[in-house]
Amino acid sequence: MIGYALTIAIGAFSLGLLLNLWRVATGPNISDRILALDTMVINAIALLILLGIALGSSIFFEVSMLFALVGFISTVSYCRFLLRGDIIE
């Protein structure tokens, strides 16, 4: 039963990832694209965790934590660049 739930969840998050990729490509302005990239990071983290559950490996959980850290830093950097035009003052 858990296998069916994992398959459905992986499919749903993969579809969400593809729809966010479409928003990045066709976003009307830069803030929509930054928001879509941040949501893509969240979907990728969810996919990594689901893959870790499906394979029974704990390494995917550590990778998802590192990916969350890099995703947060990149979102903050993009927003600072958008607001100030400079990342490092």
PDB file of N, CA and C in Angstrom:
ATOM      1  N   MET A   1       0.815  -1.195   0.000  1.00  0.00           N
ATOM      2  CA  MET A   1       0.000   0.000   0.000  1.00  0.00           C
ATOM      3  C   MET A   1       0.867   1.271   0.000  1.00  0.00           C
ATOM      4  N   ILE A   2       1.987   1.215   0.743  1.00  0.00           N
ATOM      5  CA  ILE A   2       2.861   2.386   0.786  1.00  0.00           C
ATOM      6  C   ILE A   2       3.514   2.628  -0.573  1.00  0.00           C
ATOM      7  N   GLY A   3       3.708   1.567  -1.345  1.00  0.00           N
ATOM      8  CA  GLY A   3       4.285   1.711  -2.681  1.00  0.00           C
ATOM      9  C   GLY A   3       3.393   2.517  -3.604  1.00  0.00           C
ATOM     10  N   TYR A   4       2.076   2.289  -3.504  1.00  0.00           N
ATOM     11  CA  TYR A   4       1.135   3.070  -4.320  1.00  0.00           C
ATOM     12  C   TYR A   4       1.137   4.538  -3.911  1.00  0.00           C
ATOM     13  N   ALA A   5       1.174   4.773  -2.609  1.00  0.00           N
ATOM     14  CA  ALA A   5       1.187   6.156  -2.125  1.00  0.00           C
ATOM     15  C   ALA A   5       2.462   6.878  -2.561  1.00  0.00           C
ATOM     16  N   LEU A   6       3.597   6.181  -2.497  1.00  0.00           N
ATOM     17  CA  LEU A   6       4.856   6.788  -2.943  1.00  0.00           C
ATOM     18  C   LEU A   6       4.833   7.088  -4.433  1.00  0.00           C
ATOM     19  N   THR A   7       4.268   6.173  -5.216  1.00  0.00           N
ATOM     20  CA  THR A   7       4.194   6.392  -6.666  1.00  0.00           C
ATOM     21  C   THR A   7       3.326   7.596  -7.000  1.00  0.00           C
ATOM     22  N   ILE A   8       2.191   7.715  -6.338  1.00  0.00           N
ATOM     23  CA  ILE A   8       1.295   8.845  -6.576  1.00  0.00           C
ATOM     24  C   ILE A   8       1.952  10.156  -6.131  1.00  0.00           C
ATOM     25  N   ALA A   9       2.627  10.137  -4.969  1.00  0.00           N
ATOM     26  CA  ALA A   9       3.268  11.350  -4.465  1.00  0.00           C
ATOM     27  C   ALA A   9       4.425  11.777  -5.365  1.00  0.00           C
ATOM     28  N   ILE A  10       5.219  10.807  -5.827  1.00  0.00           N
ATOM     29  CA  ILE A  10       6.319  11.145  -6.736  1.00  0.00           C
ATOM     30  C   ILE A  10       5.775  11.723  -8.040  1.00  0.00           C
ATOM     31  N   GLY A  11       4.698  11.163  -8.543  1.00  0.00           N
ATOM     32  CA  GLY A  11       4.076  11.698  -9.759  1.00  0.00           C
ATOM     33  C   GLY A  11       3.543  13.106  -9.565  1.00  0.00           C
ATOM     34  N   ALA A  12       2.924  13.362  -8.402  1.00  0.00           N
ATOM     35  CA  ALA A  12       2.353  14.685  -8.140  1.00  0.00           C
ATOM     36  C   ALA A  12       3.462  15.745  -8.006  1.00  0.00           C
ATOM     37  N   PHE A  13       4.520  15.416  -7.288  1.00  0.00           N
ATOM     38  CA  PHE A  13       5.603  16.388  -7.132  1.00  0.00           C
ATOM     39  C   PHE A  13       6.382  16.576  -8.434  1.00  0.00           C
ATOM     40  N   SER A  14       6.465  15.538  -9.241  1.00  0.00           N
ATOM     41  CA  SER A  14       7.118  15.686 -10.553  1.00  0.00           C
ATOM     42  C   SER A  14       6.303  16.591 -11.460  1.00  0.00           C
ATOM     43  N   LEU A  15       4.999  16.435 -11.427  1.00  0.00           N
ATOM     44  CA  LEU A  15       4.132  17.318 -12.213  1.00  0.00           C
ATOM     45  C   LEU A  15       4.255  18.761 -11.730  1.00  0.00           C
ATOM     46  N   GLY A  16       4.301  18.952 -10.419  1.00  0.00           N
ATOM     47  CA  GLY A  16       4.499  20.295  -9.868  1.00  0.00           C
ATOM     48  C   GLY A  16       5.822  20.897 -10.286  1.00  0.00           C
ATOM     49  N   LEU A  17       6.860  20.058 -10.345  1.00  0.00           N
ATOM     50  CA  LEU A  17       8.174  20.525 -10.788  1.00  0.00           C
ATOM     51  C   LEU A  17       8.142  20.962 -12.244  1.00  0.00           C
ATOM     52  N   LEU A  18       7.457  20.208 -13.078  1.00  0.00           N
ATOM     53  CA  LEU A  18       7.339  20.580 -14.494  1.00  0.00           C
ATOM     54  C   LEU A  18       6.533  21.857 -14.686  1.00  0.00           C
ATOM     55  N   LEU A  19       5.462  22.014 -13.914  1.00  0.00           N
ATOM     56  CA  LEU A  19       4.667  23.237 -14.022  1.00  0.00           C
ATOM     57  C   LEU A  19       5.443  24.458 -13.543  1.00  0.00           C
ATOM     58  N   ASN A  20       6.280  24.284 -12.524  1.00  0.00           N
ATOM     59  CA  ASN A  20       7.133  25.392 -12.087  1.00  0.00           C
ATOM     60  C   ASN A  20       8.197  25.718 -13.118  1.00  0.00           C
ATOM     61  N   LEU A  21       8.697  24.716 -13.794  1.00  0.00           N
ATOM     62  CA  LEU A  21       9.653  24.957 -14.874  1.00  0.00           C
ATOM     63  C   LEU A  21       9.005  25.766 -15.992  1.00  0.00           C
ATOM     64  N   TRP A  22       7.758  25.470 -16.277  1.00  0.00           N
ATOM     65  CA  TRP A  22       7.011  26.247 -17.278  1.00  0.00           C
ATOM     66  C   TRP A  22       6.858  27.704 -16.819  1.00  0.00           C
ATOM     67  N   ARG A  23       6.611  27.908 -15.510  1.00  0.00           N
ATOM     68  CA  ARG A  23       6.466  29.276 -14.994  1.00  0.00           C
ATOM     69  C   ARG A  23       7.795  30.026 -15.060  1.00  0.00           C
ATOM     70  N   VAL A  24       8.893  29.329 -14.846  1.00  0.00           N
ATOM     71  CA  VAL A  24      10.205  29.979 -14.962  1.00  0.00           C
ATOM     72  C   VAL A  24      10.441  30.417 -16.401  1.00  0.00           C
ATOM     73  N   ALA A  25      10.047  29.584 -17.353  1.00  0.00           N
ATOM     74  CA  ALA A  25      10.274  29.902 -18.761  1.00  0.00           C
ATOM     75  C   ALA A  25       9.354  31.005 -19.269  1.00  0.00           C
ATOM     76  N   THR A  26       8.124  31.066 -18.772  1.00  0.00           N
ATOM     77  CA  THR A  26       7.152  32.012 -19.320  1.00  0.00           C
ATOM     78  C   THR A  26       6.669  33.043 -18.309  1.00  0.00           C
ATOM     79  N   GLY A  27       7.400  33.217 -17.205  1.00  0.00           N
ATOM     80  CA  GLY A  27       6.966  34.164 -16.188  1.00  0.00           C
ATOM     81  C   GLY A  27       6.889  35.580 -16.724  1.00  0.00           C
ATOM     82  N   PRO A  28       5.827  36.316 -16.376  1.00  0.00           N
ATOM     83  CA  PRO A  28       5.700  37.675 -16.904  1.00  0.00           C
ATOM     84  C   PRO A  28       6.757  38.640 -16.362  1.00  0.00           C
ATOM     85  N   ASN A  29       7.219  38.432 -15.143  1.00  0.00           N
ATOM     86  CA  ASN A  29       8.278  39.300 -14.619  1.00  0.00           C
ATOM     87  C   ASN A  29       9.245  38.476 -13.773  1.00  0.00           C
ATOM     88  N   ILE A  30      10.293  39.119 -13.312  1.00  0.00           N
ATOM     89  CA  ILE A  30      11.381  38.410 -12.634  1.00  0.00           C
ATOM     90  C   ILE A  30      10.967  37.894 -11.260  1.00  0.00           C
ATOM     91  N   SER A  31      10.070  38.577 -10.579  1.00  0.00           N
ATOM     92  CA  SER A  31       9.661  38.109  -9.253  1.00  0.00           C
ATOM     93  C   SER A  31       8.877  36.802  -9.338  1.00  0.00           C
ATOM     94  N   ASP A  32       8.085  36.631 -10.399  1.00  0.00           N
ATOM     95  CA  ASP A  32       7.392  35.358 -10.608  1.00  0.00           C
ATOM     96  C   ASP A  32       8.384  34.234 -10.877  1.00  0.00           C
ATOM     97  N   ARG A  33       9.438  34.538 -11.581  1.00  0.00           N
ATOM     98  CA  ARG A  33      10.449  33.519 -11.875  1.00  0.00           C
ATOM     99  C   ARG A  33      11.226  33.127 -10.619  1.00  0.00           C
ATOM    100  N   ILE A  34      11.526  34.083  -9.755  1.00  0.00           N
ATOM    101  CA  ILE A  34      12.220  33.779  -8.502  1.00  0.00           C
ATOM    102  C   ILE A  34      11.331  32.931  -7.608  1.00  0.00           C
ATOM    103  N   LEU A  35      10.055  33.255  -7.531  1.00  0.00           N
ATOM    104  CA  LEU A  35       9.125  32.469  -6.738  1.00  0.00           C
ATOM    105  C   LEU A  35       8.988  31.051  -7.280  1.00  0.00           C
ATOM    106  N   ALA A  36       8.968  30.907  -8.603  1.00  0.00           N
ATOM    107  CA  ALA A  36       8.890  29.580  -9.210  1.00  0.00           C
ATOM    108  C   ALA A  36      10.156  28.772  -8.944  1.00  0.00           C
ATOM    109  N   LEU A  37      11.318  29.413  -8.960  1.00  0.00           N
ATOM    110  CA  LEU A  37      12.562  28.710  -8.637  1.00  0.00           C
ATOM    111  C   LEU A  37      12.574  28.239  -7.191  1.00  0.00           C
ATOM    112  N   ASP A  38      12.066  29.059  -6.286  1.00  0.00           N
ATOM    113  CA  ASP A  38      11.998  28.663  -4.888  1.00  0.00           C
ATOM    114  C   ASP A  38      11.042  27.486  -4.701  1.00  0.00           C
ATOM    115  N   THR A  39       9.937  27.501  -5.402  1.00  0.00           N
ATOM    116  CA  THR A  39       8.995  26.395  -5.324  1.00  0.00           C
ATOM    117  C   THR A  39       9.567  25.134  -5.967  1.00  0.00           C
ATOM    118  N   MET A  40      10.390  25.299  -6.995  1.00  0.00           N
ATOM    119  CA  MET A  40      11.068  24.143  -7.590  1.00  0.00           C
ATOM    120  C   MET A  40      12.024  23.492  -6.598  1.00  0.00           C
ATOM    121  N   VAL A  41      12.683  24.298  -5.800  1.00  0.00           N
ATOM    122  CA  VAL A  41      13.576  23.758  -4.776  1.00  0.00           C
ATOM    123  C   VAL A  41      12.780  22.945  -3.762  1.00  0.00           C
ATOM    124  N   ILE A  42      11.630  23.447  -3.352  1.00  0.00           N
ATOM    125  CA  ILE A  42      10.789  22.727  -2.397  1.00  0.00           C
ATOM    126  C   ILE A  42      10.301  21.410  -2.991  1.00  0.00           C
ATOM    127  N   ASN A  43       9.898  21.421  -4.246  1.00  0.00           N
ATOM    128  CA  ASN A  43       9.460  20.185  -4.896  1.00  0.00           C
ATOM    129  C   ASN A  43      10.609  19.194  -5.056  1.00  0.00           C
ATOM    130  N   ALA A  44      11.792  19.683  -5.348  1.00  0.00           N
ATOM    131  CA  ALA A  44      12.950  18.792  -5.479  1.00  0.00           C
ATOM    132  C   ALA A  44      13.315  18.170  -4.128  1.00  0.00           C
ATOM    133  N   ILE A  45      13.187  18.936  -3.061  1.00  0.00           N
ATOM    134  CA  ILE A  45      13.438  18.395  -1.725  1.00  0.00           C
ATOM    135  C   ILE A  45      12.435  17.296  -1.401  1.00  0.00           C
ATOM    136  N   ALA A  46      11.174  17.544  -1.729  1.00  0.00           N
ATOM    137  CA  ALA A  46      10.150  16.521  -1.491  1.00  0.00           C
ATOM    138  C   ALA A  46      10.426  15.262  -2.303  1.00  0.00           C
ATOM    139  N   LEU A  47      10.859  15.421  -3.548  1.00  0.00           N
ATOM    140  CA  LEU A  47      11.190  14.253  -4.369  1.00  0.00           C
ATOM    141  C   LEU A  47      12.385  13.482  -3.801  1.00  0.00           C
ATOM    142  N   LEU A  48      13.379  14.185  -3.290  1.00  0.00           N
ATOM    143  CA  LEU A  48      14.525  13.511  -2.681  1.00  0.00           C
ATOM    144  C   LEU A  48      14.113  12.718  -1.439  1.00  0.00           C
ATOM    145  N   ILE A  49      13.254  13.288  -0.630  1.00  0.00           N
ATOM    146  CA  ILE A  49      12.790  12.593   0.564  1.00  0.00           C
ATOM    147  C   ILE A  49      11.956  11.375   0.199  1.00  0.00           C
ATOM    148  N   LEU A  50      11.073  11.519  -0.780  1.00  0.00           N
ATOM    149  CA  LEU A  50      10.272  10.380  -1.217  1.00  0.00           C
ATOM    150  C   LEU A  50      11.137   9.279  -1.820  1.00  0.00           C
ATOM    151  N   LEU A  51      12.162   9.664  -2.548  1.00  0.00           N
ATOM    152  CA  LEU A  51      13.083   8.669  -3.103  1.00  0.00           C
ATOM    153  C   LEU A  51      13.858   7.961  -1.996  1.00  0.00           C
ATOM    154  N   GLY A  52      14.217   8.686  -0.961  1.00  0.00           N
ATOM    155  CA  GLY A  52      14.881   8.077   0.182  1.00  0.00           C
ATOM    156  C   GLY A  52      13.986   7.083   0.904  1.00  0.00           C
ATOM    157  N   ILE A  53      12.705   7.411   1.014  1.00  0.00           N
ATOM    158  CA  ILE A  53      11.759   6.478   1.630  1.00  0.00           C
ATOM    159  C   ILE A  53      11.585   5.248   0.750  1.00  0.00           C
ATOM    160  N   ALA A  54      11.468   5.462  -0.550  1.00  0.00           N
ATOM    161  CA  ALA A  54      11.240   4.339  -1.464  1.00  0.00           C
ATOM    162  C   ALA A  54      12.428   3.383  -1.509  1.00  0.00           C
ATOM    163  N   LEU A  55      13.631   3.926  -1.475  1.00  0.00           N
ATOM    164  CA  LEU A  55      14.828   3.086  -1.555  1.00  0.00           C
ATOM    165  C   LEU A  55      15.342   2.633  -0.194  1.00  0.00           C
ATOM    166  N   GLY A  56      14.835   3.231   0.871  1.00  0.00           N
ATOM    167  CA  GLY A  56      15.267   2.862   2.209  1.00  0.00           C
ATOM    168  C   GLY A  56      16.674   3.311   2.539  1.00  0.00           C
ATOM    169  N   SER A  57      17.102   4.412   1.957  1.00  0.00           N
ATOM    170  CA  SER A  57      18.448   4.920   2.178  1.00  0.00           C
ATOM    171  C   SER A  57      18.373   6.254   2.913  1.00  0.00           C
ATOM    172  N   SER A  58      19.248   6.435   3.884  1.00  0.00           N
ATOM    173  CA  SER A  58      19.223   7.675   4.661  1.00  0.00           C
ATOM    174  C   SER A  58      20.066   8.785   4.036  1.00  0.00           C
ATOM    175  N   ILE A  59      20.840   8.489   3.021  1.00  0.00           N
ATOM    176  CA  ILE A  59      21.693   9.509   2.406  1.00  0.00           C
ATOM    177  C   ILE A  59      20.863  10.588   1.710  1.00  0.00           C
ATOM    178  N   PHE A  60      19.670  10.225   1.232  1.00  0.00           N
ATOM    179  CA  PHE A  60      18.824  11.197   0.545  1.00  0.00           C
ATOM    180  C   PHE A  60      18.316  12.276   1.495  1.00  0.00           C
ATOM    181  N   PHE A  61      18.166  11.938   2.773  1.00  0.00           N
ATOM    182  CA  PHE A  61      17.723  12.935   3.738  1.00  0.00           C
ATOM    183  C   PHE A  61      18.813  13.973   3.991  1.00  0.00           C
ATOM    184  N   GLU A  62      20.051  13.539   4.034  1.00  0.00           N
ATOM    185  CA  GLU A  62      21.162  14.480   4.198  1.00  0.00           C
ATOM    186  C   GLU A  62      21.322  15.359   2.963  1.00  0.00           C
ATOM    187  N   VAL A  63      21.153  14.757   1.798  1.00  0.00           N
ATOM    188  CA  VAL A  63      21.234  15.528   0.552  1.00  0.00           C
ATOM    189  C   VAL A  63      20.111  16.555   0.490  1.00  0.00           C
ATOM    190  N   SER A  64      18.921  16.189   0.958  1.00  0.00           N
ATOM    191  CA  SER A  64      17.802  17.132   0.931  1.00  0.00           C
ATOM    192  C   SER A  64      18.042  18.312   1.878  1.00  0.00           C
ATOM    193  N   MET A  65      18.718  18.066   3.002  1.00  0.00           N
ATOM    194  CA  MET A  65      19.051  19.177   3.902  1.00  0.00           C
ATOM    195  C   MET A  65      20.063  20.131   3.254  1.00  0.00           C
ATOM    196  N   LEU A  66      21.045  19.587   2.588  1.00  0.00           N
ATOM    197  CA  LEU A  66      22.016  20.431   1.882  1.00  0.00           C
ATOM    198  C   LEU A  66      21.353  21.200   0.739  1.00  0.00           C
ATOM    199  N   PHE A  67      20.453  20.545   0.036  1.00  0.00           N
ATOM    200  CA  PHE A  67      19.743  21.188  -1.064  1.00  0.00           C
ATOM    201  C   PHE A  67      18.848  22.313  -0.550  1.00  0.00           C
ATOM    202  N   ALA A  68      18.246  22.118   0.620  1.00  0.00           N
ATOM    203  CA  ALA A  68      17.420  23.170   1.223  1.00  0.00           C
ATOM    204  C   ALA A  68      18.267  24.381   1.590  1.00  0.00           C
ATOM    205  N   LEU A  69      19.461  24.142   2.112  1.00  0.00           N
ATOM    206  CA  LEU A  69      20.357  25.231   2.471  1.00  0.00           C
ATOM    207  C   LEU A  69      20.782  26.030   1.245  1.00  0.00           C
ATOM    208  N   VAL A  70      21.175  25.329   0.193  1.00  0.00           N
ATOM    209  CA  VAL A  70      21.595  26.001  -1.038  1.00  0.00           C
ATOM    210  C   VAL A  70      20.418  26.738  -1.682  1.00  0.00           C
ATOM    211  N   GLY A  71      19.236  26.138  -1.646  1.00  0.00           N
ATOM    212  CA  GLY A  71      18.048  26.789  -2.206  1.00  0.00           C
ATOM    213  C   GLY A  71      17.691  28.061  -1.470  1.00  0.00           C
ATOM    214  N   PHE A  72      17.799  28.054  -0.139  1.00  0.00           N
ATOM    215  CA  PHE A  72      17.500  29.255   0.644  1.00  0.00           C
ATOM    216  C   PHE A  72      18.501  30.366   0.343  1.00  0.00           C
ATOM    217  N   ILE A  73      19.765  30.027   0.303  1.00  0.00           N
ATOM    218  CA  ILE A  73      20.797  31.033   0.025  1.00  0.00           C
ATOM    219  C   ILE A  73      20.623  31.620  -1.375  1.00  0.00           C
ATOM    220  N   SER A  74      20.290  30.776  -2.351  1.00  0.00           N
ATOM    221  CA  SER A  74      20.114  31.291  -3.712  1.00  0.00           C
ATOM    222  C   SER A  74      18.885  32.182  -3.819  1.00  0.00           C
ATOM    223  N   THR A  75      17.812  31.854  -3.125  1.00  0.00           N
ATOM    224  CA  THR A  75      16.621  32.703  -3.162  1.00  0.00           C
ATOM    225  C   THR A  75      16.898  34.059  -2.536  1.00  0.00           C
ATOM    226  N   VAL A  76      17.587  34.061  -1.414  1.00  0.00           N
ATOM    227  CA  VAL A  76      17.933  35.332  -0.763  1.00  0.00           C
ATOM    228  C   VAL A  76      18.859  36.151  -1.652  1.00  0.00           C
ATOM    229  N   SER A  77      19.808  35.498  -2.304  1.00  0.00           N
ATOM    230  CA  SER A  77      20.729  36.214  -3.192  1.00  0.00           C
ATOM    231  C   SER A  77      20.011  36.816  -4.393  1.00  0.00           C
ATOM    232  N   TYR A  78      19.107  36.057  -4.994  1.00  0.00           N
ATOM    233  CA  TYR A  78      18.339  36.584  -6.128  1.00  0.00           C
ATOM    234  C   TYR A  78      17.501  37.785  -5.709  1.00  0.00           C
ATOM    235  N   CYS A  79      16.869  37.699  -4.547  1.00  0.00           N
ATOM    236  CA  CYS A  79      16.031  38.810  -4.100  1.00  0.00           C
ATOM    237  C   CYS A  79      16.852  40.048  -3.762  1.00  0.00           C
ATOM    238  N   ARG A  80      18.013  39.852  -3.142  1.00  0.00           N
ATOM    239  CA  ARG A  80      18.880  40.996  -2.853  1.00  0.00           C
ATOM    240  C   ARG A  80      19.385  41.635  -4.134  1.00  0.00           C
ATOM    241  N   PHE A  81      19.711  40.815  -5.117  1.00  0.00           N
ATOM    242  CA  PHE A  81      20.167  41.367  -6.392  1.00  0.00           C
ATOM    243  C   PHE A  81      19.044  42.130  -7.082  1.00  0.00           C
ATOM    244  N   LEU A  82      17.820  41.611  -6.974  1.00  0.00           N
ATOM    245  CA  LEU A  82      16.680  42.278  -7.598  1.00  0.00           C
ATOM    246  C   LEU A  82      16.385  43.611  -6.921  1.00  0.00           C
ATOM    247  N   LEU A  83      16.482  43.657  -5.597  1.00  0.00           N
ATOM    248  CA  LEU A  83      16.153  44.893  -4.888  1.00  0.00           C
ATOM    249  C   LEU A  83      17.270  45.923  -4.921  1.00  0.00           C
ATOM    250  N   ARG A  84      18.531  45.477  -4.776  1.00  0.00           N
ATOM    251  CA  ARG A  84      19.630  46.425  -4.638  1.00  0.00           C
ATOM    252  C   ARG A  84      20.555  46.479  -5.843  1.00  0.00           C
ATOM    253  N   GLY A  85      20.515  45.462  -6.679  1.00  0.00           N
ATOM    254  CA  GLY A  85      21.411  45.424  -7.818  1.00  0.00           C
ATOM    255  C   GLY A  85      22.811  44.950  -7.472  1.00  0.00           C
ATOM    256  N   ASP A  86      22.993  44.586  -6.204  1.00  0.00           N
ATOM    257  CA  ASP A  86      24.299  44.144  -5.732  1.00  0.00           C
ATOM    258  C   ASP A  86      24.075  43.102  -4.644  1.00  0.00           C
ATOM    259  N   ILE A  87      24.852  42.044  -4.650  1.00  0.00           N
ATOM    260  CA  ILE A  87      24.676  41.004  -3.635  1.00  0.00           C
ATOM    261  C   ILE A  87      25.547  41.287  -2.425  1.00  0.00           C
ATOM    262  N   ILE A  88      26.794  41.634  -2.647  1.00  0.00           N
ATOM    263  CA  ILE A  88      27.727  41.917  -1.564  1.00  0.00           C
ATOM    264  C   ILE A  88      27.936  43.421  -1.482  1.00  0.00           C
ATOM    265  N   GLU A  89      27.719  43.956  -0.316  1.00  0.00           N
ATOM    266  CA  GLU A  89      27.844  45.419  -0.152  1.00  0.00           C
ATOM    267  C   GLU A  89      29.241  45.804   0.214  1.00  0.00           C
TER     268      GLU A  89
END
